Amino acid sequence: MFYFIMVISFTAYQDRILKRANVLNDRIHSKQLYYIYIIYNGSNSVKVGITKNDPDKRLKQLSTGNDSKLELKYFEKIECSHHHVLLIEKNIHSELGKTYERLNGEWFRIKDDSDIEYIESVVVFNRMRYENDYLALYRK
């Protein structure tokens, strides 16, 4: 009888684990709307990031408690899974890290605001790379 109770409770435990795994799998692989943005702080540094919120809202969040006047220089929408948008962001940061000094987190030091055009091209390239062949995100 004790063995029978353990089998039932183990099966119920497995069911709970499978349900949680399915929920996580759906969250990871379901497509959602994201924004990739570039924010300039006016003193030769930019932040390249992703957000689910409107980029203007993100700008306001970052402006709170920031001495510099922040300016949203560029943004674009992308619809993909959370996993893939993180890969896109990682690839963008990796590419920018080859050319620009990484300051803190997602902030990079640039020479002047004319560098923003190059950064935009890196963002667009990585978004197009995803749209044309998302497996390319895994290749270096």
Protein backbone atom coordinates (compact mmCIF):
# COMPACT_ATOMS: atom_id res chain seq x y z
CA MET A 1 0.00 0.00 0.00
CA PHE A 2 2.83 2.44 0.84
CA TYR A 3 4.43 1.66 -2.55
CA PHE A 4 1.13 2.46 -4.33
CA ILE A 5 0.88 5.88 -2.62
CA MET A 6 4.49 6.73 -3.55
CA VAL A 7 3.88 5.85 -7.23
CA ILE A 8 0.80 8.09 -7.35
CA SER A 9 2.57 11.02 -5.67
CA PHE A 10 5.63 10.60 -7.93
CA THR A 11 3.37 10.62 -11.01
CA ALA A 12 1.64 13.78 -9.77
CA TYR A 13 5.07 15.34 -9.19
CA GLN A 14 6.12 14.44 -12.76
CA ASP A 15 2.92 16.00 -14.12
CA ARG A 16 3.62 19.26 -12.25
CA ILE A 17 7.19 19.34 -13.55
CA LEU A 18 6.04 18.71 -17.14
CA LYS A 19 3.41 21.47 -16.90
CA ARG A 20 6.02 23.95 -15.63
CA ALA A 21 8.44 22.91 -18.36
CA ASN A 22 5.76 23.45 -21.02
CA VAL A 23 4.95 26.91 -19.64
CA LEU A 24 8.64 27.86 -19.69
CA ASN A 25 9.05 26.44 -23.18
CA ASP A 26 6.11 28.53 -24.41
CA ARG A 27 7.56 31.68 -22.81
CA ILE A 28 10.97 31.07 -24.36
CA HIS A 29 9.81 30.19 -27.87
CA SER A 30 6.63 32.21 -28.36
CA LYS A 31 7.07 35.30 -30.51
CA GLN A 32 6.57 38.65 -28.85
CA LEU A 33 7.08 42.26 -29.85
CA TYR A 34 10.36 43.85 -28.74
CA TYR A 35 12.15 47.09 -29.50
CA ILE A 36 15.87 47.40 -30.11
CA TYR A 37 16.96 50.93 -29.27
CA ILE A 38 19.97 53.25 -29.23
CA ILE A 39 20.08 55.99 -26.60
CA TYR A 40 22.73 58.73 -26.73
CA ASN A 41 23.75 60.61 -23.60
CA GLY A 42 25.27 63.65 -25.34
CA SER A 43 28.75 62.99 -23.98
CA ASN A 44 30.01 60.35 -26.40
CA SER A 45 28.38 57.24 -25.07
CA VAL A 46 25.42 55.19 -26.24
CA LYS A 47 23.28 52.45 -24.80
CA VAL A 48 22.09 49.69 -27.10
CA GLY A 49 19.39 47.56 -25.57
CA ILE A 50 16.09 45.78 -25.92
CA THR A 51 12.76 46.41 -24.26
CA LYS A 52 9.18 45.20 -24.42
CA ASN A 53 8.01 48.69 -23.49
CA ASP A 54 7.74 51.65 -25.79
CA PRO A 55 11.28 53.07 -26.31
CA ASP A 56 10.12 56.52 -25.12
CA LYS A 57 9.04 54.96 -21.81
CA ARG A 58 12.44 53.28 -21.56
CA LEU A 59 14.11 56.64 -22.20
CA LYS A 60 12.10 58.21 -19.36
CA GLN A 61 13.09 55.35 -17.03
CA LEU A 62 16.78 55.82 -17.83
CA SER A 63 16.51 59.63 -17.55
CA THR A 64 15.34 59.42 -13.95
CA GLY A 65 18.32 60.27 -11.77
CA ASN A 66 20.63 60.73 -14.76
CA ASP A 67 22.54 64.02 -14.99
CA SER A 68 23.01 63.80 -18.76
CA LYS A 69 20.30 64.67 -21.26
CA LEU A 70 19.46 61.35 -22.88
CA GLU A 71 18.18 61.20 -26.44
CA LEU A 72 16.52 58.31 -28.26
CA LYS A 73 18.48 58.17 -31.53
CA TYR A 74 17.08 55.02 -33.09
CA PHE A 75 14.69 52.16 -32.49
CA GLU A 76 13.03 49.41 -34.44
CA LYS A 77 10.49 46.71 -33.72
CA ILE A 78 11.25 43.04 -33.92
CA GLU A 79 8.93 40.13 -33.36
CA CYS A 80 10.70 37.05 -32.07
CA SER A 81 11.11 34.81 -29.06
CA HIS A 82 12.72 36.11 -25.88
CA HIS A 83 15.57 33.67 -26.41
CA HIS A 84 16.27 35.01 -29.89
CA VAL A 85 16.06 38.68 -28.95
CA LEU A 86 18.67 38.03 -26.24
CA LEU A 87 20.90 36.37 -28.84
CA ILE A 88 20.45 39.33 -31.18
CA GLU A 89 21.38 41.73 -28.39
CA LYS A 90 24.38 39.62 -27.43
CA ASN A 91 25.61 39.60 -31.04
CA ILE A 92 25.16 43.37 -31.34
CA HIS A 93 27.10 43.98 -28.14
CA SER A 94 29.83 41.57 -29.22
CA GLU A 95 30.19 43.33 -32.57
CA LEU A 96 30.24 46.79 -30.99
CA GLY A 97 32.79 45.62 -28.42
CA LYS A 98 35.26 45.04 -31.26
CA THR A 99 35.12 48.70 -32.26
CA TYR A 100 34.10 50.64 -29.15
CA GLU A 101 35.08 50.60 -25.51
CA ARG A 102 32.41 49.01 -23.37
CA LEU A 103 31.72 51.21 -20.38
CA ASN A 104 29.12 49.67 -18.13
CA GLY A 105 26.59 47.02 -19.10
CA GLU A 106 25.08 48.07 -22.42
CA TRP A 107 26.86 51.44 -22.65
CA PHE A 108 29.63 52.04 -25.20
CA ARG A 109 31.99 55.00 -25.64
CA ILE A 110 31.87 56.48 -29.14
CA LYS A 111 34.06 59.14 -30.77
CA ASP A 112 31.15 61.39 -31.70
CA ASP A 113 27.49 61.14 -32.64
CA SER A 114 28.40 60.29 -36.27
CA ASP A 115 29.28 56.79 -34.98
CA ILE A 116 25.59 56.23 -34.32
CA GLU A 117 25.02 55.53 -38.03
CA TYR A 118 27.48 52.63 -37.86
CA ILE A 119 25.79 51.34 -34.70
CA GLU A 120 22.41 51.52 -36.46
CA SER A 121 23.84 49.42 -39.30
CA VAL A 122 25.04 46.80 -36.79
CA VAL A 123 21.54 46.66 -35.28
CA VAL A 124 19.86 46.37 -38.69
CA PHE A 125 22.34 43.73 -39.86
CA ASN A 126 21.71 41.55 -36.81
CA ARG A 127 17.93 41.93 -37.08
CA MET A 128 18.04 41.00 -40.78
CA ARG A 129 20.36 38.13 -39.98
CA TYR A 130 17.74 36.79 -37.59
CA GLU A 131 14.87 37.29 -40.04
CA ASN A 132 16.71 35.54 -42.87
CA ASP A 133 18.29 32.72 -40.89
CA TYR A 134 17.79 32.63 -37.14
CA LEU A 135 20.29 29.75 -36.89
CA ALA A 136 22.96 32.26 -37.95
CA LEU A 137 22.64 33.77 -34.48
CA TYR A 138 24.29 30.65 -33.08
CA ARG A 139 27.19 30.75 -35.50
CA LYS A 140 30.14 33.03 -34.93
